[in-house]
Amino acid sequence: MHDAGRRLFLAAAGATGLAAALGGCAFPNTHRLPPAGPDGPLPADDSALLDDLEQRTFAFFRDTTPQDTGLAPDRWPNRSFASIAAVGFSLSAHVIGAGQGWIPHEQARNLVLNTLRFFRDAPQGPGARGTAGYRGFYYHFIDTGTGERFGTCELSTVDTALLLMGVLHAAAYFGGNHAHEVEIRRTAETLTERVDWPWAQHRPPSICHGWHPESGFIANDWKGYNEAMLVYLLALGSPGRTVRPDAWEAWCSTYAESWQTFHDHTHLHFAPLFGHQYTHCWVDFRGIRDAAMRERGFDYFENSRRATLAQRAYAQANPLGWAGYGGDIWGITACDGPADVHRLWRGELRRFRSYAGRGAGGHHTWDDGTLAPTAALGSLPFAPEVVVPALRALRRQYGQAIYAKYGFVDSFNPSFHYTDVALLHGRLVPGLGWVDTDHLGIDQGPIALMAANHRRDEVWRLMRGDAQMQRGLQRAGFRGGWL
């Protein structure tokens, strides 16, 4: 599931703090606030509103990603380890920035080349220390200084896949004859070829969540439906160590139990919205269907649209009575939260969480009143008619507290006003509730990429021409549309 390692490091600690979660190795939590929200009236024009969101979100990756390594931080402004998934999003954000003229082409190219060189040359091996990865995979979190495994985190198949999607996107963009662009494409091929996908099929034909050098393979495999669709598409289309098509059949084998009708929208269910967004950041599913979706008569894009509309309908119904929820204020996904505590809310004992895989959908609902702007904004291409009003409402109602130099902070909770709690992240804002003070790379990324896809078909257009992704989709049985 989404960032299991982060939950182990952060959410399990609760009020005891980040240092305890990391075994005493944490950076100090200074609770520095991001710059104040923008002054002046809210843009009346939707295009100007989206322009501002895109450029601020891109600036997060531009300003926080080191040029010499590309090791994008997991979070900012609190110091953290690097997240290889955030690196993948950062690579794509820099491509978008170069394409829009927000950063010089040469600057973006140098960052991409340095990043790919770093991962190409980072040590690989089975040891618990002194490496960044093994068998072409990388550890979920790596030290920003040494580039080596951080703590005891897992070798992650899904986070490696998110990194590789950014690599492929960058290689598709830098297609010129300049020596650095040639090297980018060659290095991207090296990185994708050496991933040993069959090795990760510990219980074939499924692909495992990951591996620890201390204890071996994780007990769980990736099976649908969730964010790991891109794992199988990359593995099926790999130019190196590929997997058989029956891996996709294993992925789809649990679909029967995933179909739900939630608030009148029937779709493959996954409660946190990020699971309906991550693969779509790079893969254009409009008009293409595998066997499972041909049977249902619609595509995965429509599935994500239905999931988005169902979440909005859930917020309108607001069955738990949380503050702030409504038709324009909605969006639940994995994100930061105020604390791991139980407190009375309107006479009923409720459980609040720090970092957690929040979501809404039938018996899988986990909702503690925490809202994440990325949940709605990462669905911009699916349902712009409800997402753009959500963007405007978030800016209008909460903008001075949650919208800053780099766009939206990760999350906020209008129901949490408890002053007796030691917060892991964030602050209490009088009259508003708990507000995060961090931005998370893996939540900024979907905002940047999906805005570009909605407005300009920008990431999708390049990735439709990627040979590895075409092979993966075809071997998974996708047909029709642009494919």
Protein backbone atom coordinates (compact mmCIF):
# COMPACT_ATOMS: atom_id res chain seq x y z
CA MET A 1 0.00 0.00 0.00
CA HIS A 2 0.97 3.66 -0.37
CA ASP A 3 4.23 4.45 1.40
CA ALA A 4 4.08 1.67 3.93
CA GLY A 5 7.58 2.61 5.00
CA ARG A 6 6.51 6.15 5.77
CA ARG A 7 3.70 4.89 7.97
CA LEU A 8 6.14 2.64 9.81
CA PHE A 9 8.51 5.57 10.33
CA LEU A 10 5.97 8.30 11.04
CA ALA A 11 2.46 7.15 11.84
CA ALA A 12 3.50 4.41 14.24
CA ALA A 13 5.32 6.99 16.35
CA GLY A 14 2.30 9.19 17.00
CA ALA A 15 2.88 11.73 19.72
CA THR A 16 6.20 10.20 20.70
CA GLY A 17 7.72 12.02 17.77
CA LEU A 18 9.74 11.44 14.66
CA ALA A 19 12.93 10.61 16.51
CA ALA A 20 11.35 7.58 18.16
CA ALA A 21 9.96 6.38 14.85
CA LEU A 22 13.39 6.54 13.29
CA GLY A 23 15.21 4.99 16.19
CA GLY A 24 16.67 8.27 17.35
CA CYS A 25 18.05 9.18 13.94
CA ALA A 26 15.55 11.89 13.02
CA PHE A 27 16.31 15.41 11.97
CA PRO A 28 14.98 18.03 14.40
CA ASN A 29 11.38 19.05 13.82
CA THR A 30 11.62 22.82 13.81
CA HIS A 31 7.97 23.45 12.84
CA ARG A 32 9.16 26.16 10.45
CA LEU A 33 6.24 27.60 8.57
CA PRO A 34 6.23 27.97 4.79
CA PRO A 35 6.01 31.50 3.44
CA ALA A 36 2.70 33.24 3.98
CA GLY A 37 -0.14 32.68 1.56
CA PRO A 38 -0.41 35.01 -1.44
CA ASP A 39 -2.00 38.38 -0.89
CA GLY A 40 -4.53 40.01 -3.15
CA PRO A 41 -7.81 38.85 -4.65
CA LEU A 42 -8.36 35.34 -5.92
CA PRO A 43 -8.02 35.19 -9.73
CA ALA A 44 -11.46 35.38 -11.31
CA ASP A 45 -10.34 33.38 -14.33
CA ASP A 46 -9.92 29.60 -13.95
CA SER A 47 -6.93 29.62 -16.29
CA ALA A 48 -5.09 32.12 -14.10
CA LEU A 49 -6.00 30.08 -11.03
CA LEU A 50 -4.49 26.95 -12.58
CA ASP A 51 -1.45 28.86 -13.86
CA ASP A 52 -0.65 29.93 -10.33
CA LEU A 53 -1.14 26.42 -8.93
CA GLU A 54 1.06 24.83 -11.60
CA GLN A 55 3.92 27.26 -11.26
CA ARG A 56 3.99 27.17 -7.46
CA THR A 57 3.87 23.37 -7.40
CA PHE A 58 6.65 23.13 -9.98
CA ALA A 59 8.73 25.58 -7.93
CA PHE A 60 8.61 23.12 -5.03
CA PHE A 61 10.55 20.56 -7.06
CA ARG A 62 12.83 23.15 -8.65
CA ASP A 63 13.87 24.64 -5.32
CA THR A 64 14.07 21.53 -3.13
CA THR A 65 15.71 19.05 -5.52
CA PRO A 66 19.54 19.17 -5.38
CA GLN A 67 20.98 19.80 -8.83
CA ASP A 68 23.97 17.51 -8.35
CA THR A 69 22.08 14.36 -7.30
CA GLY A 70 18.38 14.88 -7.98
CA LEU A 71 17.56 13.37 -4.56
CA ALA A 72 14.21 15.04 -3.99
CA PRO A 73 13.24 15.19 -0.32
CA ASP A 74 10.35 13.22 1.03
CA ARG A 75 9.03 16.39 2.68
CA TRP A 76 9.83 20.08 3.13
CA PRO A 77 10.54 22.32 5.09
CA ASN A 78 11.19 19.76 7.82
CA ARG A 79 14.39 17.97 6.88
CA SER A 80 13.96 14.41 5.72
CA PHE A 81 15.45 11.52 3.83
CA ALA A 82 15.06 11.41 0.05
CA SER A 83 12.13 9.50 -1.44
CA ILE A 84 12.82 7.67 -4.70
CA ALA A 85 9.14 8.10 -5.64
CA ALA A 86 9.50 11.85 -5.12
CA VAL A 87 12.56 11.71 -7.40
CA GLY A 88 10.38 10.24 -10.15
CA PHE A 89 7.83 13.02 -9.74
CA SER A 90 10.62 15.61 -9.64
CA LEU A 91 12.06 14.38 -12.94
CA SER A 92 8.67 14.75 -14.60
CA ALA A 93 8.06 18.14 -12.97
CA HIS A 94 11.36 19.41 -14.39
CA VAL A 95 10.36 18.18 -17.84
CA ILE A 96 7.08 20.08 -17.51
CA GLY A 97 8.91 23.15 -16.26
CA ALA A 98 11.29 23.08 -19.21
CA GLY A 99 8.42 22.62 -21.65
CA GLN A 100 6.59 25.62 -20.23
CA GLY A 101 9.66 27.84 -19.99
CA TRP A 102 9.58 27.99 -16.19
CA ILE A 103 13.16 26.73 -16.12
CA PRO A 104 15.88 26.89 -18.80
CA HIS A 105 16.07 23.78 -20.97
CA GLU A 106 19.74 23.34 -20.12
CA GLN A 107 19.12 23.56 -16.38
CA ALA A 108 16.42 20.89 -16.52
CA ARG A 109 18.60 18.71 -18.75
CA ASN A 110 21.54 18.96 -16.35
CA LEU A 111 19.38 18.01 -13.38
CA VAL A 112 17.93 15.02 -15.24
CA LEU A 113 21.36 13.85 -16.38
CA ASN A 114 22.85 14.21 -12.90
CA THR A 115 19.93 12.29 -11.40
CA LEU A 116 20.18 9.42 -13.87
CA ARG A 117 23.95 9.23 -13.46
CA PHE A 118 23.51 9.14 -9.70
CA PHE A 119 21.15 6.18 -9.79
CA ARG A 120 23.20 4.42 -12.46
CA ASP A 121 26.37 4.67 -10.37
CA ALA A 122 24.86 4.23 -6.89
CA PRO A 123 26.14 0.98 -5.32
CA GLN A 124 23.90 -2.07 -5.58
CA GLY A 125 24.21 -5.22 -3.55
CA PRO A 126 22.61 -7.54 -0.97
CA GLY A 127 24.19 -5.93 2.08
CA ALA A 128 22.13 -4.09 4.67
CA ARG A 129 24.48 -1.11 4.56
CA GLY A 130 26.48 0.74 1.97
CA THR A 131 24.10 0.38 -0.98
CA ALA A 132 21.24 2.29 -2.58
CA GLY A 133 19.55 -0.80 -3.99
CA TYR A 134 19.77 -4.35 -5.23
CA ARG A 135 19.02 -6.13 -8.52
CA GLY A 136 18.10 -2.86 -10.19
CA PHE A 137 15.55 -1.89 -7.50
CA TYR A 138 16.10 0.92 -5.00
CA TYR A 139 15.32 1.43 -1.36
CA HIS A 140 12.18 3.40 -0.62
CA PHE A 141 14.12 6.08 1.26
CA ILE A 142 17.78 6.97 0.81
CA ASP A 143 20.09 9.29 2.69
CA THR A 144 20.32 12.69 1.05
CA GLY A 145 24.02 12.93 1.82
CA THR A 146 25.37 9.47 1.01
CA GLY A 147 22.65 8.16 -1.28
CA GLU A 148 22.58 4.93 0.70
CA ARG A 149 19.64 3.11 2.27
CA PHE A 150 17.99 5.12 5.02
CA GLY A 151 17.39 3.25 8.27
CA THR A 152 15.85 -0.18 7.75
CA CYS A 153 13.41 0.72 4.99
CA GLU A 154 12.45 -1.78 2.31
CA LEU A 155 13.68 -2.31 -1.21
CA SER A 156 10.46 -1.12 -2.84
CA THR A 157 9.03 -2.36 -6.12
CA VAL A 158 6.34 0.31 -6.40
CA ASP A 159 8.60 3.21 -5.45
CA THR A 160 11.22 1.97 -7.92
CA ALA A 161 8.45 1.96 -10.53
CA LEU A 162 7.52 5.56 -9.72
CA LEU A 163 11.16 6.54 -10.09
CA LEU A 164 11.38 4.75 -13.44
CA MET A 165 8.27 6.44 -14.80
CA GLY A 166 9.97 9.78 -14.25
CA VAL A 167 13.11 8.41 -15.90
CA LEU A 168 11.17 7.27 -18.98
CA HIS A 169 9.31 10.56 -19.22
CA ALA A 170 12.55 12.53 -19.08
CA ALA A 171 14.17 10.29 -21.69
CA ALA A 172 11.20 10.83 -24.00
CA TYR A 173 11.45 14.61 -23.62
CA PHE A 174 15.20 14.94 -24.09
CA GLY A 175 15.25 13.38 -27.55
CA GLY A 176 17.77 15.66 -29.26
CA ASN A 177 21.27 15.03 -30.58
CA HIS A 178 23.08 16.96 -27.85
CA ALA A 179 25.59 14.66 -26.12
CA HIS A 180 23.84 15.08 -22.77
CA GLU A 181 20.48 14.13 -24.23
CA VAL A 182 21.95 11.07 -25.88
CA GLU A 183 23.44 10.09 -22.53
CA ILE A 184 20.10 10.63 -20.79
CA ARG A 185 18.42 8.16 -23.13
CA ARG A 186 21.23 5.60 -22.84
CA THR A 187 21.28 5.85 -19.07
CA ALA A 188 17.50 5.53 -18.89
CA GLU A 189 17.79 2.32 -20.89
CA THR A 190 20.47 1.03 -18.52
CA LEU A 191 18.29 1.75 -15.49
CA THR A 192 15.21 0.06 -16.93
CA GLU A 193 17.07 -2.93 -18.38
CA ARG A 194 18.76 -3.98 -15.17
CA VAL A 195 15.63 -4.18 -12.99
CA ASP A 196 15.23 -7.88 -12.23
CA TRP A 197 11.45 -8.10 -12.22
CA PRO A 198 11.29 -11.95 -12.19
CA TRP A 199 13.38 -11.95 -9.01
CA ALA A 200 10.62 -9.89 -7.36
CA GLN A 201 8.07 -12.61 -8.22
CA HIS A 202 8.72 -14.40 -4.94
CA ARG A 203 5.29 -16.02 -5.20
CA PRO A 204 4.94 -16.13 -8.99
CA PRO A 205 3.33 -14.86 -11.06
CA SER A 206 2.55 -11.97 -8.67
CA ILE A 207 5.14 -9.28 -7.92
CA CYS A 208 6.09 -8.75 -4.30
CA HIS A 209 5.83 -5.45 -2.42
CA GLY A 210 9.54 -5.49 -1.63
CA TRP A 211 12.47 -7.00 0.21
CA HIS A 212 14.64 -6.44 3.29
CA PRO A 213 18.24 -7.66 3.43
CA GLU A 214 17.67 -8.65 7.04
CA SER A 215 14.53 -10.75 6.55
CA GLY A 216 13.96 -11.33 2.84
CA PHE A 217 10.80 -10.74 0.84
CA ILE A 218 7.80 -8.92 2.26
CA ALA A 219 4.80 -11.18 2.85
CA ASN A 220 2.45 -9.27 0.51
CA ASP A 221 2.16 -9.18 -3.27
CA TRP A 222 0.70 -6.48 -5.51
CA LYS A 223 -2.79 -7.47 -6.57
CA GLY A 224 -5.44 -5.15 -7.97
CA TYR A 225 -6.79 -2.66 -7.56
CA ASN A 226 -4.38 -0.02 -6.21
CA GLU A 227 -1.49 2.24 -7.19
CA ALA A 228 0.77 -0.59 -8.41
CA MET A 229 -0.66 -0.99 -11.90
CA LEU A 230 2.51 0.75 -13.12
CA VAL A 231 4.64 -1.99 -11.49
CA TYR A 232 3.14 -4.62 -13.76
CA LEU A 233 3.15 -2.46 -16.88
CA LEU A 234 6.86 -1.73 -16.45
CA ALA A 235 7.64 -5.37 -15.68
CA LEU A 236 5.68 -6.60 -18.70
CA GLY A 237 7.30 -4.08 -21.03
CA SER A 238 10.84 -4.21 -19.68
CA PRO A 239 13.61 -4.20 -22.31
CA GLY A 240 15.59 -6.46 -19.97
CA ARG A 241 14.26 -8.94 -17.41
CA THR A 242 10.57 -9.10 -18.20
CA VAL A 243 7.71 -11.08 -16.66
CA ARG A 244 5.11 -13.28 -18.37
CA PRO A 245 1.60 -12.00 -19.22
CA ASP A 246 0.14 -14.23 -16.51
CA ALA A 247 1.47 -11.65 -14.05
CA TRP A 248 -1.27 -9.28 -15.23
CA GLU A 249 -3.82 -12.04 -14.77
CA ALA A 250 -2.64 -12.40 -11.18
CA TRP A 251 -2.93 -8.63 -10.71
CA CYS A 252 -6.55 -8.72 -11.92
CA SER A 253 -7.41 -11.87 -9.95
CA THR A 254 -8.84 -9.94 -7.00
CA TYR A 255 -10.93 -7.52 -9.05
CA ALA A 256 -14.16 -9.36 -8.21
CA GLU A 257 -13.92 -8.29 -4.57
CA SER A 258 -12.85 -4.76 -5.55
CA TRP A 259 -15.99 -3.80 -7.49
CA GLN A 260 -18.24 -1.60 -5.37
CA THR A 261 -21.06 0.86 -5.78
CA PHE A 262 -20.25 3.77 -3.51
CA HIS A 263 -22.55 6.78 -3.45
CA ASP A 264 -24.20 5.61 -6.69
CA HIS A 265 -20.89 5.22 -8.58
CA THR A 266 -19.90 1.65 -9.52
CA HIS A 267 -16.16 1.23 -9.98
CA LEU A 268 -13.08 -0.76 -9.05
CA HIS A 269 -12.66 0.43 -5.52
CA PHE A 270 -9.57 1.63 -3.72
CA ALA A 271 -10.33 3.94 -0.82
CA PRO A 272 -7.48 6.52 -0.98
CA LEU A 273 -7.67 8.57 -4.18
CA PHE A 274 -3.94 8.32 -4.90
CA GLY A 275 -4.52 4.71 -6.02
CA HIS A 276 -6.73 6.05 -8.81
CA GLN A 277 -4.14 8.68 -9.80
CA TYR A 278 -0.53 7.48 -9.65
CA THR A 279 -0.34 5.29 -12.75
CA HIS A 280 -2.57 7.76 -14.61
CA CYS A 281 0.00 10.51 -14.03
CA TRP A 282 2.04 8.93 -16.84
CA VAL A 283 -0.29 6.52 -18.65
CA ASP A 284 -3.19 7.72 -20.79
CA PHE A 285 -5.93 5.13 -20.25
CA ARG A 286 -8.55 7.00 -22.27
CA GLY A 287 -10.08 4.63 -24.79
CA ILE A 288 -7.84 1.62 -24.08
CA ARG A 289 -9.07 -1.43 -22.16
CA ASP A 290 -7.75 -4.73 -20.92
CA ALA A 291 -9.94 -7.83 -20.73
CA ALA A 292 -11.34 -6.91 -17.32
CA MET A 293 -12.49 -3.48 -18.44
CA ARG A 294 -13.76 -4.68 -21.82
CA GLU A 295 -16.08 -6.92 -19.84
CA ARG A 296 -17.33 -3.92 -17.86
CA GLY A 297 -17.66 -1.66 -20.88
CA PHE A 298 -15.51 1.28 -19.78
CA ASP A 299 -11.84 2.12 -19.25
CA TYR A 300 -9.64 2.84 -16.23
CA PHE A 301 -9.90 6.58 -16.86
CA GLU A 302 -13.66 6.37 -16.42
CA ASN A 303 -13.07 4.20 -13.34
CA SER A 304 -10.98 6.97 -11.78
CA ARG A 305 -13.60 9.53 -12.73
CA ARG A 306 -16.24 7.51 -10.89
CA ALA A 307 -13.99 7.15 -7.84
CA THR A 308 -13.48 10.92 -7.83
CA LEU A 309 -17.19 11.68 -8.05
CA ALA A 310 -17.94 9.11 -5.36
CA GLN A 311 -15.53 10.81 -2.96
CA ARG A 312 -17.10 14.18 -3.61
CA ALA A 313 -20.54 12.69 -2.98
CA TYR A 314 -19.23 11.17 0.26
CA ALA A 315 -18.06 14.61 1.42
CA GLN A 316 -21.44 16.08 0.59
CA ALA A 317 -23.18 13.38 2.61
CA ASN A 318 -20.58 13.71 5.37
CA PRO A 319 -21.82 10.71 7.36
CA LEU A 320 -19.36 11.31 10.22
CA GLY A 321 -20.26 14.98 10.57
CA TRP A 322 -16.77 16.42 10.19
CA ALA A 323 -16.29 20.17 9.95
CA GLY A 324 -15.76 21.76 6.55
CA TYR A 325 -16.86 18.91 4.28
CA GLY A 326 -19.10 19.72 1.32
CA GLY A 327 -19.54 19.73 -2.42
CA ASP A 328 -16.51 21.95 -2.97
CA ILE A 329 -14.35 20.94 0.02
CA TRP A 330 -13.47 17.27 -0.30
CA GLY A 331 -10.65 14.83 -0.93
CA ILE A 332 -9.35 11.98 1.24
CA THR A 333 -6.15 10.10 0.55
CA ALA A 334 -2.92 8.98 2.22
CA CYS A 335 -1.44 12.08 3.83
CA ASP A 336 -0.15 13.69 6.98
CA GLY A 337 -2.48 14.09 9.93
CA PRO A 338 -2.41 15.83 13.31
CA ALA A 339 -1.62 13.01 15.77
CA ASP A 340 -2.33 9.43 16.79
CA VAL A 341 -4.88 10.06 19.53
CA HIS A 342 -8.47 9.46 20.57
CA ARG A 343 -10.52 12.54 21.40
CA LEU A 344 -14.16 13.42 21.89
CA TRP A 345 -15.75 14.99 18.84
CA ARG A 346 -19.28 16.27 19.37
CA GLY A 347 -19.81 13.83 22.21
CA GLU A 348 -18.37 10.78 20.43
CA LEU A 349 -14.89 9.30 20.90
CA ARG A 350 -13.03 9.52 17.57
CA ARG A 351 -9.62 8.30 16.50
CA PHE A 352 -7.26 10.72 14.77
CA ARG A 353 -4.10 9.70 12.94
CA SER A 354 -0.76 11.19 11.93
CA TYR A 355 0.44 9.89 8.54
CA ALA A 356 -2.10 7.31 7.36
CA GLY A 357 -3.71 5.78 4.28
CA ARG A 358 -6.99 7.67 4.57
CA GLY A 359 -9.76 6.99 2.10
CA ALA A 360 -13.48 6.62 1.58
CA GLY A 361 -15.35 3.67 0.19
CA GLY A 362 -17.63 1.16 1.83
CA HIS A 363 -16.06 -0.94 4.56
CA HIS A 364 -12.61 0.45 3.70
CA THR A 365 -13.37 4.02 4.78
CA TRP A 366 -10.81 5.59 7.06
CA ASP A 367 -11.78 9.21 7.65
CA ASP A 368 -10.66 11.32 10.60
CA GLY A 369 -11.64 14.71 9.18
CA THR A 370 -8.27 15.29 7.49
CA LEU A 371 -8.44 16.69 3.96
CA ALA A 372 -5.60 16.59 1.42
CA PRO A 373 -5.66 19.03 -1.52
CA THR A 374 -3.77 16.49 -3.65
CA ALA A 375 -6.74 14.12 -3.44
CA ALA A 376 -9.00 16.47 -5.37
CA LEU A 377 -6.37 18.21 -7.51
CA GLY A 378 -4.73 14.95 -8.60
CA SER A 379 -8.09 14.08 -10.19
CA LEU A 380 -8.21 17.20 -12.34
CA PRO A 381 -8.30 15.39 -15.72
CA PHE A 382 -10.99 12.97 -14.56
CA ALA A 383 -13.61 15.47 -13.39
CA PRO A 384 -12.55 19.09 -13.94
CA GLU A 385 -16.13 20.26 -13.46
CA VAL A 386 -15.88 19.43 -9.74
CA VAL A 387 -12.12 19.73 -9.20
CA VAL A 388 -11.71 23.32 -10.41
CA PRO A 389 -14.47 24.53 -8.06
CA ALA A 390 -12.70 22.61 -5.28
CA LEU A 391 -9.46 24.43 -6.09
CA ARG A 392 -11.24 27.76 -5.94
CA ALA A 393 -13.03 26.92 -2.69
CA LEU A 394 -9.82 25.73 -1.01
CA ARG A 395 -8.10 28.97 -1.96
CA ARG A 396 -11.06 31.14 -0.96
CA GLN A 397 -11.88 29.52 2.37
CA TYR A 398 -8.48 28.39 3.63
CA GLY A 399 -5.90 29.90 1.30
CA GLN A 400 -4.09 32.15 3.77
CA ALA A 401 -3.40 29.11 5.98
CA ILE A 402 -2.84 26.28 3.49
CA TYR A 403 -1.62 27.93 0.25
CA ALA A 404 1.89 29.33 0.17
CA LYS A 405 5.04 29.74 -1.89
CA TYR A 406 4.92 26.14 -3.15
CA GLY A 407 1.15 25.79 -3.44
CA PHE A 408 -0.88 23.75 -0.99
CA VAL A 409 0.54 22.24 2.16
CA ASP A 410 -0.03 18.52 2.38
CA SER A 411 -3.21 18.46 4.46
CA PHE A 412 -5.42 20.13 7.05
CA ASN A 413 -8.15 19.14 9.50
CA PRO A 414 -10.88 21.69 10.32
CA SER A 415 -12.23 19.40 13.07
CA PHE A 416 -9.02 19.12 15.10
CA HIS A 417 -8.70 21.87 17.72
CA TYR A 418 -7.18 19.91 20.62
CA THR A 419 -4.46 21.88 22.39
CA ASP A 420 -3.36 19.04 24.70
CA VAL A 421 -1.76 17.00 21.90
CA ALA A 422 1.91 16.81 20.91
CA LEU A 423 1.73 17.27 17.15
CA LEU A 424 4.08 15.24 14.95
CA HIS A 425 3.75 17.81 12.18
CA GLY A 426 1.82 20.99 11.63
CA ARG A 427 0.22 23.61 13.86
CA LEU A 428 -3.15 24.67 15.19
CA VAL A 429 -4.68 27.73 13.55
CA PRO A 430 -7.32 29.49 15.66
CA GLY A 431 -10.72 29.16 14.07
CA LEU A 432 -9.51 26.76 11.39
CA GLY A 433 -8.02 23.71 13.10
CA TRP A 434 -4.92 21.68 12.38
CA VAL A 435 -2.82 22.70 9.36
CA ASP A 436 0.22 20.83 8.09
CA THR A 437 3.42 22.83 7.71
CA ASP A 438 5.02 20.39 5.25
CA HIS A 439 4.71 19.68 1.56
CA LEU A 440 5.22 16.02 0.53
CA GLY A 441 6.89 15.24 -2.78
CA ILE A 442 4.62 12.28 -3.53
CA ASP A 443 1.54 14.48 -3.04
CA GLN A 444 2.89 17.52 -4.88
CA GLY A 445 3.75 15.30 -7.84
CA PRO A 446 0.21 14.27 -8.87
CA ILE A 447 -0.88 17.92 -8.73
CA ALA A 448 1.91 18.97 -11.10
CA LEU A 449 1.54 16.09 -13.56
CA MET A 450 -2.22 15.90 -13.67
CA ALA A 451 -2.63 19.63 -14.16
CA ALA A 452 -0.25 19.37 -17.12
CA ASN A 453 -2.19 16.41 -18.51
CA HIS A 454 -5.54 18.13 -18.12
CA ARG A 455 -4.47 21.40 -19.67
CA ARG A 456 -2.03 20.29 -22.37
CA ASP A 457 -1.97 16.47 -22.62
CA GLU A 458 1.66 17.09 -21.72
CA VAL A 459 2.94 13.99 -19.93
CA TRP A 460 0.55 11.61 -21.67
CA ARG A 461 1.53 12.83 -25.13
CA LEU A 462 5.18 11.89 -24.60
CA MET A 463 4.49 8.65 -22.76
CA ARG A 464 2.15 7.37 -25.48
CA GLY A 465 5.28 7.08 -27.63
CA ASP A 466 7.35 5.19 -25.05
CA ALA A 467 8.21 1.71 -26.33
CA GLN A 468 8.39 0.08 -22.91
CA MET A 469 4.97 1.36 -21.89
CA GLN A 470 3.45 0.32 -25.22
CA ARG A 471 4.86 -3.21 -24.80
CA GLY A 472 3.63 -3.43 -21.25
CA LEU A 473 0.11 -2.36 -22.15
CA GLN A 474 -0.08 -4.69 -25.13
CA ARG A 475 1.23 -7.68 -23.18
CA ALA A 476 -1.35 -6.91 -20.48
CA GLY A 477 -4.02 -7.23 -23.13
CA PHE A 478 -4.91 -3.56 -23.66
CA ARG A 479 -6.50 -2.75 -27.01
CA GLY A 480 -8.18 0.14 -28.79
CA GLY A 481 -7.84 3.91 -28.69
CA TRP A 482 -4.44 5.45 -29.21
CA LEU A 483 -2.71 2.07 -28.65
